[in-house]
């Protein structure tokens, strides 16, 4: 799988590796991909996908509206 970076990002290591916004990388280890995705720096994409192709997303299923809660009246002793 490949990842696409959502913003410019510089890794805080000796090499100071820099990734550019919209850069697609398919040569990173699965652990590195998970690292960047879990930190919202990148998203998974199909290998070779470019900026003009938005990542595939699942269609959102509309949830039915929740019924309004009924107010409970206070019962008074007669």
PDB file of N, CA and C in Angstrom:
ATOM      1  N   UNK A   1       0.855  -1.167   0.000  1.00  0.00           N
ATOM      2  CA  UNK A   1       0.000   0.000   0.000  1.00  0.00           C
ATOM      3  C   UNK A   1       0.904   1.235   0.000  1.00  0.00           C
ATOM      4  N   UNK A   2       0.345   2.361  -0.347  1.00  0.00           N
ATOM      5  CA  UNK A   2       1.087   3.618  -0.379  1.00  0.00           C
ATOM      6  C   UNK A   2       0.394   4.627   0.522  1.00  0.00           C
ATOM      7  N   UNK A   3       1.115   5.689   0.846  1.00  0.00           N
ATOM      8  CA  UNK A   3       0.523   6.772   1.631  1.00  0.00           C
ATOM      9  C   UNK A   3       0.756   8.097   0.911  1.00  0.00           C
ATOM     10  N   UNK A   4      -0.165   9.036   1.149  1.00  0.00           N
ATOM     11  CA  UNK A   4      -0.040  10.393   0.611  1.00  0.00           C
ATOM     12  C   UNK A   4       0.009  11.339   1.797  1.00  0.00           C
ATOM     13  N   UNK A   5       0.997  12.206   1.811  1.00  0.00           N
ATOM     14  CA  UNK A   5       1.164  13.145   2.913  1.00  0.00           C
ATOM     15  C   UNK A   5       0.166  14.287   2.787  1.00  0.00           C
ATOM     16  N   UNK A   6      -0.421  14.648   3.911  1.00  0.00           N
ATOM     17  CA  UNK A   6      -1.438  15.701   3.950  1.00  0.00           C
ATOM     18  C   UNK A   6      -0.835  17.082   4.149  1.00  0.00           C
ATOM     19  N   UNK A   7       0.427  17.120   4.577  1.00  0.00           N
ATOM     20  CA  UNK A   7       1.108  18.403   4.790  1.00  0.00           C
ATOM     21  C   UNK A   7       2.608  18.154   4.716  1.00  0.00           C
ATOM     22  N   UNK A   8       3.378  19.224   4.599  1.00  0.00           N
ATOM     23  CA  UNK A   8       4.827  19.095   4.650  1.00  0.00           C
ATOM     24  C   UNK A   8       5.211  18.563   6.022  1.00  0.00           C
ATOM     25  N   UNK A   9       6.165  17.634   6.045  1.00  0.00           N
ATOM     26  CA  UNK A   9       6.530  17.010   7.318  1.00  0.00           C
ATOM     27  C   UNK A   9       8.012  16.679   7.316  1.00  0.00           C
ATOM     28  N   UNK A  10       8.691  17.038   8.398  1.00  0.00           N
ATOM     29  CA  UNK A  10      10.103  16.718   8.570  1.00  0.00           C
ATOM     30  C   UNK A  10      10.234  15.770   9.750  1.00  0.00           C
ATOM     31  N   UNK A  11      10.891  14.651   9.512  1.00  0.00           N
ATOM     32  CA  UNK A  11      11.094  13.653  10.557  1.00  0.00           C
ATOM     33  C   UNK A  11      12.175  14.159  11.505  1.00  0.00           C
ATOM     34  N   UNK A  12      11.922  14.009  12.790  1.00  0.00           N
ATOM     35  CA  UNK A  12      12.865  14.479  13.801  1.00  0.00           C
ATOM     36  C   UNK A  12      13.910  13.391  14.076  1.00  0.00           C
ATOM     37  N   UNK A  13      14.797  13.174  13.118  1.00  0.00           N
ATOM     38  CA  UNK A  13      15.873  12.206  13.284  1.00  0.00           C
ATOM     39  C   UNK A  13      17.170  12.800  12.752  1.00  0.00           C
ATOM     40  N   UNK A  14      18.228  12.024  12.742  1.00  0.00           N
ATOM     41  CA  UNK A  14      19.526  12.535  12.284  1.00  0.00           C
ATOM     42  C   UNK A  14      19.502  12.990  10.839  1.00  0.00           C
ATOM     43  N   UNK A  15      18.778  12.249  10.004  1.00  0.00           N
ATOM     44  CA  UNK A  15      18.746  12.577   8.568  1.00  0.00           C
ATOM     45  C   UNK A  15      17.828  13.754   8.241  1.00  0.00           C
ATOM     46  N   UNK A  16      16.913  14.083   9.156  1.00  0.00           N
ATOM     47  CA  UNK A  16      15.948  15.168   8.931  1.00  0.00           C
ATOM     48  C   UNK A  16      15.200  14.959   7.604  1.00  0.00           C
ATOM     49  N   UNK A  17      14.712  13.747   7.392  1.00  0.00           N
ATOM     50  CA  UNK A  17      13.986  13.410   6.175  1.00  0.00           C
ATOM     51  C   UNK A  17      12.752  14.292   6.064  1.00  0.00           C
ATOM     52  N   UNK A  18      12.524  14.852   4.879  1.00  0.00           N
ATOM     53  CA  UNK A  18      11.402  15.750   4.656  1.00  0.00           C
ATOM     54  C   UNK A  18      10.472  15.162   3.603  1.00  0.00           C
ATOM     55  N   UNK A  19       9.180  15.240   3.875  1.00  0.00           N
ATOM     56  CA  UNK A  19       8.153  14.798   2.936  1.00  0.00           C
ATOM     57  C   UNK A  19       7.299  16.010   2.589  1.00  0.00           C
ATOM     58  N   UNK A  20       6.950  16.147   1.315  1.00  0.00           N
ATOM     59  CA  UNK A  20       6.170  17.291   0.851  1.00  0.00           C
ATOM     60  C   UNK A  20       4.682  16.964   0.851  1.00  0.00           C
ATOM     61  N   UNK A  21       3.867  17.998   1.001  1.00  0.00           N
ATOM     62  CA  UNK A  21       2.423  17.839   0.944  1.00  0.00           C
ATOM     63  C   UNK A  21       2.054  17.199  -0.391  1.00  0.00           C
ATOM     64  N   UNK A  22       1.145  16.234  -0.374  1.00  0.00           N
ATOM     65  CA  UNK A  22       0.642  15.495  -1.535  1.00  0.00           C
ATOM     66  C   UNK A  22       1.662  14.531  -2.140  1.00  0.00           C
ATOM     67  N   UNK A  23       2.811  14.356  -1.479  1.00  0.00           N
ATOM     68  CA  UNK A  23       3.794  13.376  -1.952  1.00  0.00           C
ATOM     69  C   UNK A  23       3.260  11.981  -1.665  1.00  0.00           C
ATOM     70  N   UNK A  24       3.318  11.101  -2.668  1.00  0.00           N
ATOM     71  CA  UNK A  24       2.871   9.726  -2.513  1.00  0.00           C
ATOM     72  C   UNK A  24       4.097   8.838  -2.424  1.00  0.00           C
ATOM     73  N   UNK A  25       4.147   8.006  -1.364  1.00  0.00           N
ATOM     74  CA  UNK A  25       5.290   7.115  -1.158  1.00  0.00           C
ATOM     75  C   UNK A  25       4.781   5.686  -1.018  1.00  0.00           C
ATOM     76  N   UNK A  26       5.386   4.782  -1.781  1.00  0.00           N
ATOM     77  CA  UNK A  26       5.029   3.370  -1.647  1.00  0.00           C
ATOM     78  C   UNK A  26       6.251   2.531  -1.283  1.00  0.00           C
ATOM     79  N   UNK A  27       7.336   3.201  -0.879  1.00  0.00           N
ATOM     80  CA  UNK A  27       8.574   2.501  -0.553  1.00  0.00           C
ATOM     81  C   UNK A  27       8.868   2.474   0.945  1.00  0.00           C
ATOM     82  N   UNK A  28       7.908   2.881   1.774  1.00  0.00           N
ATOM     83  CA  UNK A  28       8.106   2.890   3.216  1.00  0.00           C
ATOM     84  C   UNK A  28       7.649   1.558   3.816  1.00  0.00           C
ATOM     85  N   UNK A  29       8.193   1.232   4.956  1.00  0.00           N
ATOM     86  CA  UNK A  29       7.794   0.002   5.637  1.00  0.00           C
ATOM     87  C   UNK A  29       6.362   0.147   6.150  1.00  0.00           C
ATOM     88  N   UNK A  30       5.665  -0.971   6.324  1.00  0.00           N
ATOM     89  CA  UNK A  30       4.302  -0.889   6.880  1.00  0.00           C
ATOM     90  C   UNK A  30       4.274  -0.192   8.245  1.00  0.00           C
ATOM     91  N   UNK A  31       5.305  -0.382   9.050  1.00  0.00           N
ATOM     92  CA  UNK A  31       5.356   0.283  10.359  1.00  0.00           C
ATOM     93  C   UNK A  31       5.455   1.801  10.191  1.00  0.00           C
ATOM     94  N   UNK A  32       6.251   2.257   9.228  1.00  0.00           N
ATOM     95  CA  UNK A  32       6.374   3.698   8.978  1.00  0.00           C
ATOM     96  C   UNK A  32       5.059   4.263   8.458  1.00  0.00           C
ATOM     97  N   UNK A  33       4.414   3.535   7.553  1.00  0.00           N
ATOM     98  CA  UNK A  33       3.126   3.990   7.031  1.00  0.00           C
ATOM     99  C   UNK A  33       2.117   4.138   8.162  1.00  0.00           C
ATOM    100  N   UNK A  34       2.043   3.120   9.025  1.00  0.00           N
ATOM    101  CA  UNK A  34       1.118   3.176  10.166  1.00  0.00           C
ATOM    102  C   UNK A  34       1.436   4.365  11.064  1.00  0.00           C
ATOM    103  N   UNK A  35       2.732   4.621  11.273  1.00  0.00           N
ATOM    104  CA  UNK A  35       3.170   5.730  12.123  1.00  0.00           C
ATOM    105  C   UNK A  35       2.633   7.059  11.596  1.00  0.00           C
ATOM    106  N   UNK A  36       2.833   7.322  10.297  1.00  0.00           N
ATOM    107  CA  UNK A  36       2.405   8.594   9.716  1.00  0.00           C
ATOM    108  C   UNK A  36       0.882   8.712   9.672  1.00  0.00           C
ATOM    109  N   UNK A  37       0.193   7.625   9.336  1.00  0.00           N
ATOM    110  CA  UNK A  37      -1.270   7.659   9.260  1.00  0.00           C
ATOM    111  C   UNK A  37      -1.871   7.860  10.646  1.00  0.00           C
ATOM    112  N   UNK A  38      -1.317   7.196  11.659  1.00  0.00           N
ATOM    113  CA  UNK A  38      -1.864   7.318  13.010  1.00  0.00           C
ATOM    114  C   UNK A  38      -1.696   8.727  13.574  1.00  0.00           C
ATOM    115  N   UNK A  39      -0.756   9.473  13.049  1.00  0.00           N
ATOM    116  CA  UNK A  39      -0.527  10.845  13.506  1.00  0.00           C
ATOM    117  C   UNK A  39      -1.180  11.888  12.600  1.00  0.00           C
ATOM    118  N   UNK A  40      -2.056  11.417  11.710  1.00  0.00           N
ATOM    119  CA  UNK A  40      -2.796  12.291  10.784  1.00  0.00           C
ATOM    120  C   UNK A  40      -1.880  13.150   9.928  1.00  0.00           C
ATOM    121  N   UNK A  41      -0.743  12.592   9.563  1.00  0.00           N
ATOM    122  CA  UNK A  41       0.198  13.286   8.681  1.00  0.00           C
ATOM    123  C   UNK A  41       0.011  12.771   7.256  1.00  0.00           C
ATOM    124  N   UNK A  42      -0.534  11.554   7.127  1.00  0.00           N
ATOM    125  CA  UNK A  42      -0.709  10.927   5.815  1.00  0.00           C
ATOM    126  C   UNK A  42      -1.966  10.066   5.830  1.00  0.00           C
ATOM    127  N   UNK A  43      -2.395   9.691   4.612  1.00  0.00           N
ATOM    128  CA  UNK A  43      -3.532   8.786   4.458  1.00  0.00           C
ATOM    129  C   UNK A  43      -3.132   7.680   3.493  1.00  0.00           C
ATOM    130  N   UNK A  44      -3.767   6.528   3.626  1.00  0.00           N
ATOM    131  CA  UNK A  44      -3.505   5.421   2.708  1.00  0.00           C
ATOM    132  C   UNK A  44      -4.124   5.716   1.351  1.00  0.00           C
ATOM    133  N   UNK A  45      -3.407   5.366   0.289  1.00  0.00           N
ATOM    134  CA  UNK A  45      -3.904   5.508  -1.081  1.00  0.00           C
ATOM    135  C   UNK A  45      -3.421   4.303  -1.872  1.00  0.00           C
ATOM    136  N   UNK A  46      -3.975   4.134  -3.053  1.00  0.00           N
ATOM    137  CA  UNK A  46      -3.486   3.104  -3.957  1.00  0.00           C
ATOM    138  C   UNK A  46      -2.160   3.580  -4.535  1.00  0.00           C
ATOM    139  N   UNK A  47      -1.222   2.688  -4.740  1.00  0.00           N
ATOM    140  CA  UNK A  47       0.088   3.054  -5.293  1.00  0.00           C
ATOM    141  C   UNK A  47      -0.096   3.770  -6.623  1.00  0.00           C
ATOM    142  N   UNK A  48       0.612   4.857  -6.812  1.00  0.00           N
ATOM    143  CA  UNK A  48       0.546   5.631  -8.047  1.00  0.00           C
ATOM    144  C   UNK A  48      -0.548   6.669  -8.075  1.00  0.00           C
ATOM    145  N   UNK A  49      -1.343   6.779  -7.035  1.00  0.00           N
ATOM    146  CA  UNK A  49      -2.431   7.759  -7.006  1.00  0.00           C
ATOM    147  C   UNK A  49      -1.843   9.162  -6.850  1.00  0.00           C
ATOM    148  N   UNK A  50      -2.372  10.109  -7.602  1.00  0.00           N
ATOM    149  CA  UNK A  50      -1.844  11.475  -7.593  1.00  0.00           C
ATOM    150  C   UNK A  50      -2.784  12.421  -6.868  1.00  0.00           C
ATOM    151  N   UNK A  51      -2.330  13.649  -6.725  1.00  0.00           N
ATOM    152  CA  UNK A  51      -3.097  14.686  -6.021  1.00  0.00           C
ATOM    153  C   UNK A  51      -4.484  14.858  -6.622  1.00  0.00           C
ATOM    154  N   UNK A  52      -4.591  14.788  -7.966  1.00  0.00           N
ATOM    155  CA  UNK A  52      -5.871  15.044  -8.613  1.00  0.00           C
ATOM    156  C   UNK A  52      -6.881  13.934  -8.354  1.00  0.00           C
ATOM    157  N   UNK A  53      -6.423  12.799  -7.838  1.00  0.00           N
ATOM    158  CA  UNK A  53      -7.315  11.702  -7.537  1.00  0.00           C
ATOM    159  C   UNK A  53      -7.543  11.626  -6.032  1.00  0.00           C
ATOM    160  N   UNK A  54      -8.705  12.047  -5.557  1.00  0.00           N
ATOM    161  CA  UNK A  54      -8.934  12.009  -4.103  1.00  0.00           C
ATOM    162  C   UNK A  54      -8.936  10.575  -3.605  1.00  0.00           C
ATOM    163  N   UNK A  55      -8.521  10.363  -2.349  1.00  0.00           N
ATOM    164  CA  UNK A  55      -8.535   9.006  -1.820  1.00  0.00           C
ATOM    165  C   UNK A  55      -9.942   8.456  -1.769  1.00  0.00           C
ATOM    166  N   UNK A  56     -10.071   7.145  -1.970  1.00  0.00           N
ATOM    167  CA  UNK A  56     -11.387   6.527  -1.946  1.00  0.00           C
ATOM    168  C   UNK A  56     -11.927   6.549  -0.526  1.00  0.00           C
ATOM    169  N   UNK A  57     -13.195   6.883  -0.419  1.00  0.00           N
ATOM    170  CA  UNK A  57     -13.833   6.883   0.891  1.00  0.00           C
ATOM    171  C   UNK A  57     -15.119   6.078   0.801  1.00  0.00           C
ATOM    172  N   UNK A  58     -15.519   5.533   1.897  1.00  0.00           N
ATOM    173  CA  UNK A  58     -16.779   4.808   1.922  1.00  0.00           C
ATOM    174  C   UNK A  58     -17.920   5.811   1.925  1.00  0.00           C
ATOM    175  N   UNK A  59     -19.008   5.424   1.257  1.00  0.00           N
ATOM    176  CA  UNK A  59     -20.172   6.310   1.269  1.00  0.00           C
ATOM    177  C   UNK A  59     -20.733   6.365   2.678  1.00  0.00           C
ATOM    178  N   UNK A  60     -21.083   7.541   3.088  1.00  0.00           N
ATOM    179  CA  UNK A  60     -21.651   7.697   4.419  1.00  0.00           C
ATOM    180  C   UNK A  60     -23.099   7.238   4.387  1.00  0.00           C
ATOM    181  N   UNK A  61     -23.451   6.448   5.359  1.00  0.00           N
ATOM    182  CA  UNK A  61     -24.827   5.976   5.475  1.00  0.00           C
ATOM    183  C   UNK A  61     -25.546   6.920   6.423  1.00  0.00           C
ATOM    184  N   UNK A  62     -26.660   7.455   5.934  1.00  0.00           N
ATOM    185  CA  UNK A  62     -27.406   8.380   6.779  1.00  0.00           C
ATOM    186  C   UNK A  62     -28.068   7.610   7.904  1.00  0.00           C
ATOM    187  N   UNK A  63     -27.875   8.111   9.111  1.00  0.00           N
ATOM    188  CA  UNK A  63     -28.473   7.503  10.277  1.00  0.00           C
ATOM    189  C   UNK A  63     -29.849   8.131  10.500  1.00  0.00           C
ATOM    190  N   UNK A  64     -30.821   7.326  10.884  1.00  0.00           N
ATOM    191  CA  UNK A  64     -32.151   7.904  11.155  1.00  0.00           C
ATOM    192  C   UNK A  64     -32.061   8.833  12.358  1.00  0.00           C
ATOM    193  N   UNK A  65     -32.881   9.848  12.323  1.00  0.00           N
ATOM    194  CA  UNK A  65     -32.894  10.805  13.435  1.00  0.00           C
ATOM    195  C   UNK A  65     -33.377  10.107  14.695  1.00  0.00           C
ATOM    196  N   UNK A  66     -32.782  10.486  15.814  1.00  0.00           N
ATOM    197  CA  UNK A  66     -33.200   9.909  17.086  1.00  0.00           C
ATOM    198  C   UNK A  66     -34.535  10.533  17.478  1.00  0.00           C
ATOM    199  N   UNK A  67     -35.443   9.736  18.043  1.00  0.00           N
ATOM    200  CA  UNK A  67     -36.725  10.319  18.467  1.00  0.00           C
ATOM    201  C   UNK A  67     -36.499  11.281  19.629  1.00  0.00           C
ATOM    202  N   UNK A  68     -37.312  12.314  19.663  1.00  0.00           N
ATOM    203  CA  UNK A  68     -37.186  13.303  20.743  1.00  0.00           C
ATOM    204  C   UNK A  68     -37.552  12.652  22.068  1.00  0.00           C
ATOM    205  N   UNK A  69     -36.798  13.024  23.079  1.00  0.00           N
ATOM    206  CA  UNK A  69     -37.095  12.484  24.407  1.00  0.00           C
ATOM    207  C   UNK A  69     -38.309  13.192  24.979  1.00  0.00           C
ATOM    208  N   UNK A  70     -39.151  12.405  25.606  1.00  0.00           N
ATOM    209  CA  UNK A  70     -40.347  12.985  26.214  1.00  0.00           C
ATOM    210  C   UNK A  70     -39.999  13.441  27.618  1.00  0.00           C
ATOM    211  N   UNK A  71     -40.515  14.603  27.959  1.00  0.00           N
ATOM    212  CA  UNK A  71     -40.307  15.097  29.314  1.00  0.00           C
ATOM    213  C   UNK A  71     -41.161  14.293  30.262  1.00  0.00           C
ATOM    214  N   UNK A  72     -40.555  13.939  31.369  1.00  0.00           N
ATOM    215  CA  UNK A  72     -41.327  13.224  32.378  1.00  0.00           C
ATOM    216  C   UNK A  72     -41.895  14.253  33.341  1.00  0.00           C
ATOM    217  N   UNK A  73     -43.170  14.136  33.552  1.00  0.00           N
ATOM    218  CA  UNK A  73     -43.790  15.089  34.484  1.00  0.00           C
ATOM    219  C   UNK A  73     -43.524  14.618  35.906  1.00  0.00           C
ATOM    220  N   UNK A  74     -43.413  15.588  36.775  1.00  0.00           N
ATOM    221  CA  UNK A  74     -43.206  15.260  38.192  1.00  0.00           C
ATOM    222  C   UNK A  74     -44.534  14.802  38.772  1.00  0.00           C
ATOM    223  N   UNK A  75     -44.483  13.714  39.435  1.00  0.00           N
ATOM    224  CA  UNK A  75     -45.706  13.217  40.077  1.00  0.00           C
ATOM    225  C   UNK A  75     -45.787  13.794  41.479  1.00  0.00           C
ATOM    226  N   UNK A  76     -46.932  14.264  41.828  1.00  0.00           N
ATOM    227  CA  UNK A  76     -47.133  14.826  43.164  1.00  0.00           C
ATOM    228  C   UNK A  76     -48.082  13.930  43.933  1.00  0.00           C
ATOM    229  N   UNK A  77     -47.834  13.810  45.194  1.00  0.00           N
ATOM    230  CA  UNK A  77     -48.708  12.998  46.035  1.00  0.00           C
ATOM    231  C   UNK A  77     -50.026  13.729  46.260  1.00  0.00           C
ATOM    232  N   UNK A  78     -51.129  13.024  46.189  1.00  0.00           N
ATOM    233  CA  UNK A  78     -52.436  13.652  46.380  1.00  0.00           C
ATOM    234  C   UNK A  78     -52.916  13.489  47.786  1.00  0.00           C
TER     235      UNK A  78
END
